[in-house]
Amino acid sequence: MNLALSDEQAMVRDMVRRFLADRYDATTMAKGPMSSDDWRALGELGLFALLMPEQAGGLGGGAVEVMIISQELGRALAITPLAEAILLCGRALAADQAVGGWTDRLMQGDALLAFARGGEVVDGRLSGLADIVRDGVNADAFVVETEVGALLLVDVQDSGIRRIPVRLVDGSMAANVRFDAALAQPLTAPASLWAEAHTLAGLSIIAELVGAMSTLLDLTVDYIKQRHQFGKPIASFQVVQHRCARMYTWLEQSRSLLLKAAMVGEKERTRAVTTARAYIGDTALKLAEEAVQLHGGMGVTNELAVGRGLRRVLLLSRLHGGGIAARSALAA
């Protein structure tokens, strides 16, 4: 297995890193969702097209590109809808030529799609409740997976949609969405394509977690070098060194599992991503908690990036069932 990035992949990584460095630092990380202007700018850079299949007009980027982009977003603690809007909803639309307009707008960053579960269809209309739909407040349309597994596209312009805002732990907004006989367009995504979309969305989430772990460790090491107690930097205390060494071990183990999940063959990827989620979901949260503790009381406040980072990691580590769901899937 070749673990080195190609020249093109390294260029993508560096481009995303520069873009985010211009917009985020320790005072702004995870302070709120990425602005619509910045999201649109990422679309103009071609990142969303890179992650979309060629059949939808994209560039056909694969798991490694998903890992690269998501990890950089995680390093900046950027709050974005990448995993669900692009990798889930975008790929659900990829096989339907009739919704090509949505696909184009999505790749350009001009439209936001949200993924919802729940409801049933009667005579082409969707009714039911979808709880905690991420980015559901600002979504222009919903990709809905019904209780029987059917995929639908629902435009928010339909009068049969009601949204109740819900603020999540990282400060982003979700919604409880009620569909009251809303007009729904069936999607024809093959089961294999939909399964691949879920796998890549899971890969994106764990890549964001690994990126966030890296930043939280760096912030913590910088802090303990500056903080003095008993006339010495606390970095000189053996117990603090041991705790940082343990955090570093968690990060490197997580990074190794992420690399394996991104670089194995397609037939092995679903299990590799599930295995990585089973470990990284819980480990990232432990590292974030250690980072906060080593910062002391200020670590839990919204003034420091580690406090905001903890809340971001808490959300990411619980998405789609988190480590518990991943371990259950491995045991099944």
C-alpha atoms as a PDB file:
ATOM      1  CA  MET A   1       0.000   0.000   0.000  1.00  0.00           C
ATOM      2  CA  ASN A   2       1.451   3.354  -1.104  1.00  0.00           C
ATOM      3  CA  LEU A   3       0.823   5.875   1.673  1.00  0.00           C
ATOM      4  CA  ALA A   4       2.274   8.859  -0.187  1.00  0.00           C
ATOM      5  CA  LEU A   5      -0.005  11.442  -1.789  1.00  0.00           C
ATOM      6  CA  SER A   6       0.327  12.134  -5.481  1.00  0.00           C
ATOM      7  CA  ASP A   7       1.439  15.593  -6.600  1.00  0.00           C
ATOM      8  CA  GLU A   8      -2.148  16.492  -7.483  1.00  0.00           C
ATOM      9  CA  GLN A   9      -3.456  15.329  -4.120  1.00  0.00           C
ATOM     10  CA  ALA A  10      -0.768  17.287  -2.282  1.00  0.00           C
ATOM     11  CA  MET A  11      -1.772  20.379  -4.265  1.00  0.00           C
ATOM     12  CA  VAL A  12      -5.396  19.938  -3.216  1.00  0.00           C
ATOM     13  CA  ARG A  13      -4.333  19.575   0.430  1.00  0.00           C
ATOM     14  CA  ASP A  14      -2.169  22.696   0.290  1.00  0.00           C
ATOM     15  CA  MET A  15      -4.873  24.709  -1.460  1.00  0.00           C
ATOM     16  CA  VAL A  16      -7.500  23.831   1.162  1.00  0.00           C
ATOM     17  CA  ARG A  17      -5.036  24.461   3.989  1.00  0.00           C
ATOM     18  CA  ARG A  18      -4.187  27.931   2.655  1.00  0.00           C
ATOM     19  CA  PHE A  19      -7.845  28.770   2.112  1.00  0.00           C
ATOM     20  CA  LEU A  20      -8.724  27.848   5.693  1.00  0.00           C
ATOM     21  CA  ALA A  21      -5.611  29.478   7.204  1.00  0.00           C
ATOM     22  CA  ASP A  22      -6.731  32.788   5.701  1.00  0.00           C
ATOM     23  CA  ARG A  23     -10.064  32.512   7.524  1.00  0.00           C
ATOM     24  CA  TYR A  24      -9.452  30.651  10.781  1.00  0.00           C
ATOM     25  CA  ASP A  25      -7.076  30.959  13.703  1.00  0.00           C
ATOM     26  CA  ALA A  26      -7.277  30.071  17.392  1.00  0.00           C
ATOM     27  CA  THR A  27      -9.685  32.948  18.029  1.00  0.00           C
ATOM     28  CA  THR A  28     -12.170  32.038  15.287  1.00  0.00           C
ATOM     29  CA  MET A  29     -12.035  28.221  15.063  1.00  0.00           C
ATOM     30  CA  ALA A  30     -15.440  26.563  15.599  1.00  0.00           C
ATOM     31  CA  LYS A  31     -17.101  29.858  16.531  1.00  0.00           C
ATOM     32  CA  GLY A  32     -19.910  29.154  14.109  1.00  0.00           C
ATOM     33  CA  PRO A  33     -20.783  27.497  10.810  1.00  0.00           C
ATOM     34  CA  MET A  34     -18.768  28.454   7.750  1.00  0.00           C
ATOM     35  CA  SER A  35     -20.322  31.457   6.028  1.00  0.00           C
ATOM     36  CA  SER A  36     -22.272  30.965   2.835  1.00  0.00           C
ATOM     37  CA  ASP A  37     -19.725  33.125   0.989  1.00  0.00           C
ATOM     38  CA  ASP A  38     -16.838  30.889   2.074  1.00  0.00           C
ATOM     39  CA  TRP A  39     -18.846  27.763   1.239  1.00  0.00           C
ATOM     40  CA  ARG A  40     -19.521  29.163  -2.213  1.00  0.00           C
ATOM     41  CA  ALA A  41     -15.824  29.985  -2.592  1.00  0.00           C
ATOM     42  CA  LEU A  42     -14.949  26.341  -1.911  1.00  0.00           C
ATOM     43  CA  GLY A  43     -17.369  25.393  -4.666  1.00  0.00           C
ATOM     44  CA  GLU A  44     -15.740  27.866  -7.034  1.00  0.00           C
ATOM     45  CA  LEU A  45     -12.365  26.278  -6.250  1.00  0.00           C
ATOM     46  CA  GLY A  46     -13.796  23.013  -7.582  1.00  0.00           C
ATOM     47  CA  LEU A  47     -13.619  21.040  -4.336  1.00  0.00           C
ATOM     48  CA  PHE A  48     -17.226  19.873  -4.440  1.00  0.00           C
ATOM     49  CA  ALA A  49     -16.958  18.915  -8.108  1.00  0.00           C
ATOM     50  CA  LEU A  50     -13.828  16.957  -7.219  1.00  0.00           C
ATOM     51  CA  LEU A  51     -15.813  14.862  -4.746  1.00  0.00           C
ATOM     52  CA  MET A  52     -18.750  14.175  -7.064  1.00  0.00           C
ATOM     53  CA  PRO A  53     -18.948  11.208  -9.504  1.00  0.00           C
ATOM     54  CA  GLU A  54     -18.185  11.786 -13.157  1.00  0.00           C
ATOM     55  CA  GLN A  55     -21.706  10.695 -14.123  1.00  0.00           C
ATOM     56  CA  ALA A  56     -23.014  13.759 -12.285  1.00  0.00           C
ATOM     57  CA  GLY A  57     -20.555  16.096 -14.009  1.00  0.00           C
ATOM     58  CA  GLY A  58     -17.989  15.912 -11.253  1.00  0.00           C
ATOM     59  CA  LEU A  59     -14.319  14.971 -11.350  1.00  0.00           C
ATOM     60  CA  GLY A  60     -14.700  11.545  -9.759  1.00  0.00           C
ATOM     61  CA  GLY A  61     -12.507  12.024  -6.716  1.00  0.00           C
ATOM     62  CA  GLY A  62     -12.348   9.037  -4.410  1.00  0.00           C
ATOM     63  CA  ALA A  63     -11.733   8.145  -0.801  1.00  0.00           C
ATOM     64  CA  VAL A  64      -8.266   9.706  -0.615  1.00  0.00           C
ATOM     65  CA  GLU A  65      -9.584  13.067  -1.814  1.00  0.00           C
ATOM     66  CA  VAL A  66     -12.411  12.852   0.721  1.00  0.00           C
ATOM     67  CA  MET A  67      -9.849  12.182   3.453  1.00  0.00           C
ATOM     68  CA  ILE A  68      -7.570  15.046   2.398  1.00  0.00           C
ATOM     69  CA  ILE A  69     -10.276  17.715   2.238  1.00  0.00           C
ATOM     70  CA  SER A  70     -12.125  16.566   5.358  1.00  0.00           C
ATOM     71  CA  GLN A  71      -8.968  16.335   7.430  1.00  0.00           C
ATOM     72  CA  GLU A  72      -8.054  19.922   6.565  1.00  0.00           C
ATOM     73  CA  LEU A  73     -11.541  21.089   7.513  1.00  0.00           C
ATOM     74  CA  GLY A  74     -11.122  19.249  10.800  1.00  0.00           C
ATOM     75  CA  ARG A  75      -7.728  20.874  11.435  1.00  0.00           C
ATOM     76  CA  ALA A  76      -9.391  24.284  11.145  1.00  0.00           C
ATOM     77  CA  LEU A  77     -12.326  23.113  13.304  1.00  0.00           C
ATOM     78  CA  ALA A  78     -14.483  24.373  10.444  1.00  0.00           C
ATOM     79  CA  ILE A  79     -18.198  23.670  10.822  1.00  0.00           C
ATOM     80  CA  THR A  80     -19.462  22.637   7.385  1.00  0.00           C
ATOM     81  CA  PRO A  81     -22.114  20.309   5.894  1.00  0.00           C
ATOM     82  CA  LEU A  82     -19.590  18.492   3.685  1.00  0.00           C
ATOM     83  CA  ALA A  83     -20.265  14.893   4.762  1.00  0.00           C
ATOM     84  CA  GLU A  84     -24.019  14.982   4.342  1.00  0.00           C
ATOM     85  CA  ALA A  85     -24.633  17.737   1.784  1.00  0.00           C
ATOM     86  CA  ILE A  86     -21.980  16.655  -0.737  1.00  0.00           C
ATOM     87  CA  LEU A  87     -21.136  13.021  -0.037  1.00  0.00           C
ATOM     88  CA  LEU A  88     -24.594  11.754   0.948  1.00  0.00           C
ATOM     89  CA  CYS A  89     -27.111  14.033  -0.764  1.00  0.00           C
ATOM     90  CA  GLY A  90     -24.896  14.787  -3.764  1.00  0.00           C
ATOM     91  CA  ARG A  91     -24.291  11.143  -4.557  1.00  0.00           C
ATOM     92  CA  ALA A  92     -27.961  10.309  -4.048  1.00  0.00           C
ATOM     93  CA  LEU A  93     -28.697  12.748  -6.893  1.00  0.00           C
ATOM     94  CA  ALA A  94     -25.818  11.599  -9.086  1.00  0.00           C
ATOM     95  CA  ALA A  95     -27.736   8.888 -10.950  1.00  0.00           C
ATOM     96  CA  ASP A  96     -30.770  11.073 -11.765  1.00  0.00           C
ATOM     97  CA  GLN A  97     -30.454  13.238 -14.854  1.00  0.00           C
ATOM     98  CA  ALA A  98     -33.805  14.858 -13.998  1.00  0.00           C
ATOM     99  CA  VAL A  99     -32.262  16.622 -10.994  1.00  0.00           C
ATOM    100  CA  GLY A 100     -29.112  17.780 -12.767  1.00  0.00           C
ATOM    101  CA  GLY A 101     -29.904  21.397 -11.911  1.00  0.00           C
ATOM    102  CA  TRP A 102     -29.650  20.619  -8.217  1.00  0.00           C
ATOM    103  CA  THR A 103     -26.396  18.769  -8.751  1.00  0.00           C
ATOM    104  CA  ASP A 104     -24.830  21.689 -10.585  1.00  0.00           C
ATOM    105  CA  ARG A 105     -25.915  24.168  -7.917  1.00  0.00           C
ATOM    106  CA  LEU A 106     -24.616  21.873  -5.198  1.00  0.00           C
ATOM    107  CA  MET A 107     -21.176  21.593  -6.808  1.00  0.00           C
ATOM    108  CA  GLN A 108     -20.993  25.372  -7.213  1.00  0.00           C
ATOM    109  CA  GLY A 109     -21.895  25.929  -3.569  1.00  0.00           C
ATOM    110  CA  ASP A 110     -25.092  27.763  -4.526  1.00  0.00           C
ATOM    111  CA  ALA A 111     -27.488  25.249  -2.987  1.00  0.00           C
ATOM    112  CA  LEU A 112     -27.521  23.422   0.342  1.00  0.00           C
ATOM    113  CA  LEU A 113     -29.083  19.988   0.674  1.00  0.00           C
ATOM    114  CA  ALA A 114     -29.795  18.248   3.982  1.00  0.00           C
ATOM    115  CA  PHE A 115     -30.226  14.542   4.670  1.00  0.00           C
ATOM    116  CA  ALA A 116     -33.277  13.392   6.636  1.00  0.00           C
ATOM    117  CA  ARG A 117     -34.664  10.040   7.743  1.00  0.00           C
ATOM    118  CA  GLY A 118     -38.322   9.244   8.323  1.00  0.00           C
ATOM    119  CA  GLY A 119     -41.794   9.515   6.892  1.00  0.00           C
ATOM    120  CA  GLU A 120     -43.819   7.534   4.391  1.00  0.00           C
ATOM    121  CA  VAL A 121     -45.065   8.214   0.880  1.00  0.00           C
ATOM    122  CA  VAL A 122     -48.712   8.081  -0.159  1.00  0.00           C
ATOM    123  CA  ASP A 123     -49.661   9.009  -3.723  1.00  0.00           C
ATOM    124  CA  GLY A 124     -46.339  10.706  -4.356  1.00  0.00           C
ATOM    125  CA  ARG A 125     -46.483  12.857  -1.242  1.00  0.00           C
ATOM    126  CA  LEU A 126     -44.347  12.534   1.878  1.00  0.00           C
ATOM    127  CA  SER A 127     -45.729  12.727   5.397  1.00  0.00           C
ATOM    128  CA  GLY A 128     -44.017  12.205   8.737  1.00  0.00           C
ATOM    129  CA  LEU A 129     -41.425  13.618  11.091  1.00  0.00           C
ATOM    130  CA  ALA A 130     -37.633  13.718  10.679  1.00  0.00           C
ATOM    131  CA  ASP A 131     -35.858  14.527  13.937  1.00  0.00           C
ATOM    132  CA  ILE A 132     -32.601  16.515  14.190  1.00  0.00           C
ATOM    133  CA  VAL A 133     -31.837  17.143  10.532  1.00  0.00           C
ATOM    134  CA  ARG A 134     -28.406  18.767  10.374  1.00  0.00           C
ATOM    135  CA  ASP A 135     -28.455  22.043   8.418  1.00  0.00           C
ATOM    136  CA  GLY A 136     -32.196  21.553   8.068  1.00  0.00           C
ATOM    137  CA  VAL A 137     -32.916  25.183   8.910  1.00  0.00           C
ATOM    138  CA  ASN A 138     -31.066  26.621   5.904  1.00  0.00           C
ATOM    139  CA  ALA A 139     -31.441  23.727   3.448  1.00  0.00           C
ATOM    140  CA  ASP A 140     -32.834  24.450  -0.015  1.00  0.00           C
ATOM    141  CA  ALA A 141     -33.980  20.843  -0.402  1.00  0.00           C
ATOM    142  CA  PHE A 142     -33.985  17.564   1.493  1.00  0.00           C
ATOM    143  CA  VAL A 143     -32.847  14.123   0.447  1.00  0.00           C
ATOM    144  CA  VAL A 144     -35.107  11.873   2.514  1.00  0.00           C
ATOM    145  CA  GLU A 145     -34.695   8.192   3.247  1.00  0.00           C
ATOM    146  CA  THR A 146     -38.133   6.924   4.247  1.00  0.00           C
ATOM    147  CA  GLU A 147     -38.919   4.271   6.815  1.00  0.00           C
ATOM    148  CA  VAL A 148     -38.985   1.632   4.059  1.00  0.00           C
ATOM    149  CA  GLY A 149     -35.687   2.774   2.512  1.00  0.00           C
ATOM    150  CA  ALA A 150     -36.976   4.777  -0.468  1.00  0.00           C
ATOM    151  CA  LEU A 151     -34.961   7.873  -1.456  1.00  0.00           C
ATOM    152  CA  LEU A 152     -36.765  11.110  -2.242  1.00  0.00           C
ATOM    153  CA  LEU A 153     -35.958  14.708  -3.117  1.00  0.00           C
ATOM    154  CA  VAL A 154     -38.163  17.310  -1.446  1.00  0.00           C
ATOM    155  CA  ASP A 155     -37.923  21.008  -2.346  1.00  0.00           C
ATOM    156  CA  VAL A 156     -38.371  23.386   0.604  1.00  0.00           C
ATOM    157  CA  GLN A 157     -40.602  25.583  -1.566  1.00  0.00           C
ATOM    158  CA  ASP A 158     -43.376  23.074  -0.941  1.00  0.00           C
ATOM    159  CA  SER A 159     -45.912  24.393   1.549  1.00  0.00           C
ATOM    160  CA  GLY A 160     -46.104  20.995   3.244  1.00  0.00           C
ATOM    161  CA  ILE A 161     -42.803  21.445   5.102  1.00  0.00           C
ATOM    162  CA  ARG A 162     -42.484  22.831   8.620  1.00  0.00           C
ATOM    163  CA  ARG A 163     -39.108  23.340  10.320  1.00  0.00           C
ATOM    164  CA  ILE A 164     -38.458  23.829  14.029  1.00  0.00           C
ATOM    165  CA  PRO A 165     -34.895  25.092  14.685  1.00  0.00           C
ATOM    166  CA  VAL A 166     -32.658  23.132  17.067  1.00  0.00           C
ATOM    167  CA  ARG A 167     -29.227  24.401  18.161  1.00  0.00           C
ATOM    168  CA  LEU A 168     -26.594  21.658  18.363  1.00  0.00           C
ATOM    169  CA  VAL A 169     -23.761  21.418  20.860  1.00  0.00           C
ATOM    170  CA  ASP A 170     -21.184  22.938  18.491  1.00  0.00           C
ATOM    171  CA  GLY A 171     -23.360  25.969  17.813  1.00  0.00           C
ATOM    172  CA  SER A 172     -24.589  24.850  14.394  1.00  0.00           C
ATOM    173  CA  MET A 173     -28.302  24.728  13.611  1.00  0.00           C
ATOM    174  CA  ALA A 174     -30.394  21.655  12.896  1.00  0.00           C
ATOM    175  CA  ALA A 175     -34.162  21.298  12.567  1.00  0.00           C
ATOM    176  CA  ASN A 176     -36.969  18.971  13.408  1.00  0.00           C
ATOM    177  CA  VAL A 177     -38.741  18.715  10.061  1.00  0.00           C
ATOM    178  CA  ARG A 178     -42.378  17.746   9.592  1.00  0.00           C
ATOM    179  CA  PHE A 179     -43.583  16.773   6.130  1.00  0.00           C
ATOM    180  CA  ASP A 180     -47.335  17.188   5.628  1.00  0.00           C
ATOM    181  CA  ALA A 181     -48.152  15.664   2.243  1.00  0.00           C
ATOM    182  CA  ALA A 182     -45.108  17.355   0.701  1.00  0.00           C
ATOM    183  CA  LEU A 183     -44.504  16.689  -2.974  1.00  0.00           C
ATOM    184  CA  ALA A 184     -41.623  14.221  -3.246  1.00  0.00           C
ATOM    185  CA  GLN A 185     -39.569  13.275  -6.300  1.00  0.00           C
ATOM    186  CA  PRO A 186     -38.306   9.670  -6.222  1.00  0.00           C
ATOM    187  CA  LEU A 187     -34.572   9.145  -6.679  1.00  0.00           C
ATOM    188  CA  THR A 188     -33.157   6.122  -8.451  1.00  0.00           C
ATOM    189  CA  ALA A 189     -29.746   5.807  -6.824  1.00  0.00           C
ATOM    190  CA  PRO A 190     -28.613   2.150  -7.026  1.00  0.00           C
ATOM    191  CA  ALA A 191     -28.119   0.399  -3.704  1.00  0.00           C
ATOM    192  CA  SER A 192     -24.375   0.096  -4.375  1.00  0.00           C
ATOM    193  CA  LEU A 193     -24.042   3.844  -4.986  1.00  0.00           C
ATOM    194  CA  TRP A 194     -26.007   4.673  -1.842  1.00  0.00           C
ATOM    195  CA  ALA A 195     -23.890   2.288   0.241  1.00  0.00           C
ATOM    196  CA  GLU A 196     -20.736   3.902  -1.152  1.00  0.00           C
ATOM    197  CA  ALA A 197     -22.126   7.343  -0.265  1.00  0.00           C
ATOM    198  CA  HIS A 198     -22.632   6.280   3.359  1.00  0.00           C
ATOM    199  CA  THR A 199     -19.112   4.852   3.489  1.00  0.00           C
ATOM    200  CA  LEU A 200     -17.548   8.051   2.139  1.00  0.00           C
ATOM    201  CA  ALA A 201     -19.622  10.205   4.490  1.00  0.00           C
ATOM    202  CA  GLY A 202     -18.381   8.081   7.388  1.00  0.00           C
ATOM    203  CA  LEU A 203     -14.822   8.452   6.126  1.00  0.00           C
ATOM    204  CA  SER A 204     -15.277  12.227   5.959  1.00  0.00           C
ATOM    205  CA  ILE A 205     -16.456  12.358   9.577  1.00  0.00           C
ATOM    206  CA  ILE A 206     -13.519  10.366  10.943  1.00  0.00           C
ATOM    207  CA  ALA A 207     -11.095  12.421   8.843  1.00  0.00           C
ATOM    208  CA  GLU A 208     -12.533  15.597  10.383  1.00  0.00           C
ATOM    209  CA  LEU A 209     -12.080  14.048  13.822  1.00  0.00           C
ATOM    210  CA  VAL A 210      -8.436  13.208  13.138  1.00  0.00           C
ATOM    211  CA  GLY A 211      -7.816  16.739  11.879  1.00  0.00           C
ATOM    212  CA  ALA A 212      -9.448  18.179  14.996  1.00  0.00           C
ATOM    213  CA  MET A 213      -7.383  15.869  17.218  1.00  0.00           C
ATOM    214  CA  SER A 214      -4.197  17.167  15.606  1.00  0.00           C
ATOM    215  CA  THR A 215      -5.134  20.805  16.240  1.00  0.00           C
ATOM    216  CA  LEU A 216      -6.241  20.197  19.826  1.00  0.00           C
ATOM    217  CA  LEU A 217      -2.964  18.422  20.601  1.00  0.00           C
ATOM    218  CA  ASP A 218      -0.926  21.240  19.043  1.00  0.00           C
ATOM    219  CA  LEU A 219      -2.844  23.873  21.012  1.00  0.00           C
ATOM    220  CA  THR A 220      -2.322  21.923  24.216  1.00  0.00           C
ATOM    221  CA  VAL A 221       1.424  21.447  23.716  1.00  0.00           C
ATOM    222  CA  ASP A 222       1.818  25.164  23.004  1.00  0.00           C
ATOM    223  CA  TYR A 223      -0.142  26.037  26.140  1.00  0.00           C
ATOM    224  CA  ILE A 224       1.749  23.794  28.573  1.00  0.00           C
ATOM    225  CA  LYS A 225       5.044  25.275  27.344  1.00  0.00           C
ATOM    226  CA  GLN A 226       3.807  28.756  28.261  1.00  0.00           C
ATOM    227  CA  ARG A 227       1.909  28.024  31.486  1.00  0.00           C
ATOM    228  CA  HIS A 228       4.133  28.235  34.601  1.00  0.00           C
ATOM    229  CA  GLN A 229       3.513  26.707  37.987  1.00  0.00           C
ATOM    230  CA  PHE A 230       5.946  26.630  40.937  1.00  0.00           C
ATOM    231  CA  GLY A 231       8.337  28.677  38.837  1.00  0.00           C
ATOM    232  CA  LYS A 232       8.490  26.136  35.977  1.00  0.00           C
ATOM    233  CA  PRO A 233       6.570  25.518  32.761  1.00  0.00           C
ATOM    234  CA  ILE A 234       4.081  22.731  33.446  1.00  0.00           C
ATOM    235  CA  ALA A 235       5.485  20.970  30.360  1.00  0.00           C
ATOM    236  CA  SER A 236       8.463  20.053  32.542  1.00  0.00           C
ATOM    237  CA  PHE A 237       6.288  17.972  34.894  1.00  0.00           C
ATOM    238  CA  GLN A 238       6.463  14.276  34.168  1.00  0.00           C
ATOM    239  CA  VAL A 239       2.762  13.631  34.699  1.00  0.00           C
ATOM    240  CA  VAL A 240       1.894  16.283  32.088  1.00  0.00           C
ATOM    241  CA  GLN A 241       4.423  14.820  29.662  1.00  0.00           C
ATOM    242  CA  HIS A 242       2.875  11.380  30.108  1.00  0.00           C
ATOM    243  CA  ARG A 243      -0.603  12.713  29.408  1.00  0.00           C
ATOM    244  CA  CYS A 244       0.582  14.461  26.249  1.00  0.00           C
ATOM    245  CA  ALA A 245       2.389  11.295  25.134  1.00  0.00           C
ATOM    246  CA  ARG A 246      -0.854   9.369  25.554  1.00  0.00           C
ATOM    247  CA  MET A 247      -2.702  11.981  23.479  1.00  0.00           C
ATOM    248  CA  TYR A 248      -0.045  11.708  20.772  1.00  0.00           C
ATOM    249  CA  THR A 249      -0.437   7.917  20.747  1.00  0.00           C
ATOM    250  CA  TRP A 250      -4.204   8.239  20.342  1.00  0.00           C
ATOM    251  CA  LEU A 251      -3.700  10.637  17.434  1.00  0.00           C
ATOM    252  CA  GLU A 252      -1.204   8.442  15.601  1.00  0.00           C
ATOM    253  CA  GLN A 253      -3.302   5.312  16.046  1.00  0.00           C
ATOM    254  CA  SER A 254      -6.324   7.180  14.729  1.00  0.00           C
ATOM    255  CA  ARG A 255      -4.341   8.561  11.805  1.00  0.00           C
ATOM    256  CA  SER A 256      -3.175   5.061  10.873  1.00  0.00           C
ATOM    257  CA  LEU A 257      -6.734   3.702  10.894  1.00  0.00           C
ATOM    258  CA  LEU A 258      -7.871   6.660   8.783  1.00  0.00           C
ATOM    259  CA  LEU A 259      -5.131   6.086   6.209  1.00  0.00           C
ATOM    260  CA  LYS A 260      -6.003   2.411   5.967  1.00  0.00           C
ATOM    261  CA  ALA A 261      -9.703   3.185   5.532  1.00  0.00           C
ATOM    262  CA  ALA A 262      -8.972   5.651   2.720  1.00  0.00           C
ATOM    263  CA  MET A 263      -6.408   3.565   0.859  1.00  0.00           C
ATOM    264  CA  VAL A 264      -7.750  -0.004   0.955  1.00  0.00           C
ATOM    265  CA  GLY A 265      -9.658  -1.440  -1.984  1.00  0.00           C
ATOM    266  CA  GLU A 266     -13.326  -0.625  -2.481  1.00  0.00           C
ATOM    267  CA  LYS A 267     -14.478  -4.079  -1.360  1.00  0.00           C
ATOM    268  CA  GLU A 268     -12.711  -3.675   1.969  1.00  0.00           C
ATOM    269  CA  ARG A 269     -13.454  -0.003   2.537  1.00  0.00           C
ATOM    270  CA  THR A 270     -16.813  -0.256   4.271  1.00  0.00           C
ATOM    271  CA  ARG A 271     -15.447  -2.528   6.983  1.00  0.00           C
ATOM    272  CA  ALA A 272     -12.254  -0.475   7.279  1.00  0.00           C
ATOM    273  CA  VAL A 273     -14.259   2.740   7.768  1.00  0.00           C
ATOM    274  CA  THR A 274     -16.502   1.037  10.317  1.00  0.00           C
ATOM    275  CA  THR A 275     -13.439  -0.233  12.196  1.00  0.00           C
ATOM    276  CA  ALA A 276     -11.914   3.248  12.209  1.00  0.00           C
ATOM    277  CA  ARG A 277     -15.170   4.780  13.444  1.00  0.00           C
ATOM    278  CA  ALA A 278     -15.331   2.244  16.274  1.00  0.00           C
ATOM    279  CA  TYR A 279     -11.978   3.490  17.597  1.00  0.00           C
ATOM    280  CA  ILE A 280     -11.697   7.114  16.497  1.00  0.00           C
ATOM    281  CA  GLY A 281     -15.140   8.246  17.615  1.00  0.00           C
ATOM    282  CA  ASP A 282     -14.422   7.561  21.287  1.00  0.00           C
ATOM    283  CA  THR A 283     -10.691   8.285  21.185  1.00  0.00           C
ATOM    284  CA  ALA A 284     -11.137  11.739  19.663  1.00  0.00           C
ATOM    285  CA  LEU A 285     -13.485  12.659  22.492  1.00  0.00           C
ATOM    286  CA  LYS A 286     -10.997  11.407  25.099  1.00  0.00           C
ATOM    287  CA  LEU A 287      -8.231  13.489  23.521  1.00  0.00           C
ATOM    288  CA  ALA A 288     -10.453  16.587  23.442  1.00  0.00           C
ATOM    289  CA  GLU A 289     -11.346  16.112  27.102  1.00  0.00           C
ATOM    290  CA  GLU A 290      -7.654  15.759  28.009  1.00  0.00           C
ATOM    291  CA  ALA A 291      -6.877  18.943  26.081  1.00  0.00           C
ATOM    292  CA  VAL A 292      -9.520  20.830  28.049  1.00  0.00           C
ATOM    293  CA  GLN A 293      -8.303  19.457  31.375  1.00  0.00           C
ATOM    294  CA  LEU A 294      -4.694  20.433  30.667  1.00  0.00           C
ATOM    295  CA  HIS A 295      -5.874  23.970  29.927  1.00  0.00           C
ATOM    296  CA  GLY A 296      -7.552  24.152  33.321  1.00  0.00           C
ATOM    297  CA  GLY A 297     -10.810  25.967  34.030  1.00  0.00           C
ATOM    298  CA  MET A 298     -10.553  28.228  30.985  1.00  0.00           C
ATOM    299  CA  GLY A 299     -10.552  25.169  28.749  1.00  0.00           C
ATOM    300  CA  VAL A 300     -14.306  24.712  29.057  1.00  0.00           C
ATOM    301  CA  THR A 301     -15.115  28.294  28.067  1.00  0.00           C
ATOM    302  CA  ASN A 302     -16.060  29.524  24.637  1.00  0.00           C
ATOM    303  CA  GLU A 303     -13.092  31.896  24.709  1.00  0.00           C
ATOM    304  CA  LEU A 304     -10.536  29.185  23.930  1.00  0.00           C
ATOM    305  CA  ALA A 305     -10.398  27.077  20.785  1.00  0.00           C
ATOM    306  CA  VAL A 306     -10.024  23.889  22.847  1.00  0.00           C
ATOM    307  CA  GLY A 307     -13.407  24.445  24.482  1.00  0.00           C
ATOM    308  CA  ARG A 308     -15.076  25.014  21.137  1.00  0.00           C
ATOM    309  CA  GLY A 309     -13.105  22.104  19.687  1.00  0.00           C
ATOM    310  CA  LEU A 310     -14.391  19.788  22.412  1.00  0.00           C
ATOM    311  CA  ARG A 311     -17.956  20.628  21.458  1.00  0.00           C
ATOM    312  CA  ARG A 312     -17.221  20.103  17.769  1.00  0.00           C
ATOM    313  CA  VAL A 313     -15.624  16.712  18.482  1.00  0.00           C
ATOM    314  CA  LEU A 314     -18.542  15.766  20.729  1.00  0.00           C
ATOM    315  CA  LEU A 315     -20.947  16.294  17.837  1.00  0.00           C
ATOM    316  CA  LEU A 316     -18.822  14.562  15.188  1.00  0.00           C
ATOM    317  CA  SER A 317     -18.135  11.575  17.425  1.00  0.00           C
ATOM    318  CA  ARG A 318     -21.871  10.942  17.862  1.00  0.00           C
ATOM    319  CA  LEU A 319     -23.021  11.294  14.240  1.00  0.00           C
ATOM    320  CA  HIS A 320     -24.776   8.271  12.733  1.00  0.00           C
ATOM    321  CA  GLY A 321     -24.531   6.374  15.994  1.00  0.00           C
ATOM    322  CA  GLY A 322     -20.818   7.025  16.596  1.00  0.00           C
ATOM    323  CA  GLY A 323     -18.521   4.337  17.945  1.00  0.00           C
ATOM    324  CA  ILE A 324     -21.355   2.352  19.536  1.00  0.00           C
ATOM    325  CA  ALA A 325     -23.131   1.854  16.213  1.00  0.00           C
ATOM    326  CA  ALA A 326     -19.824   1.020  14.519  1.00  0.00           C
ATOM    327  CA  ARG A 327     -18.977  -1.660  17.076  1.00  0.00           C
ATOM    328  CA  SER A 328     -22.461  -3.120  16.784  1.00  0.00           C
ATOM    329  CA  ALA A 329     -22.059  -3.303  12.996  1.00  0.00           C
ATOM    330  CA  LEU A 330     -18.707  -5.084  13.363  1.00  0.00           C
ATOM    331  CA  ALA A 331     -20.186  -7.575  15.812  1.00  0.00           C
ATOM    332  CA  ALA A 332     -23.199  -8.355  13.609  1.00  0.00           C
END
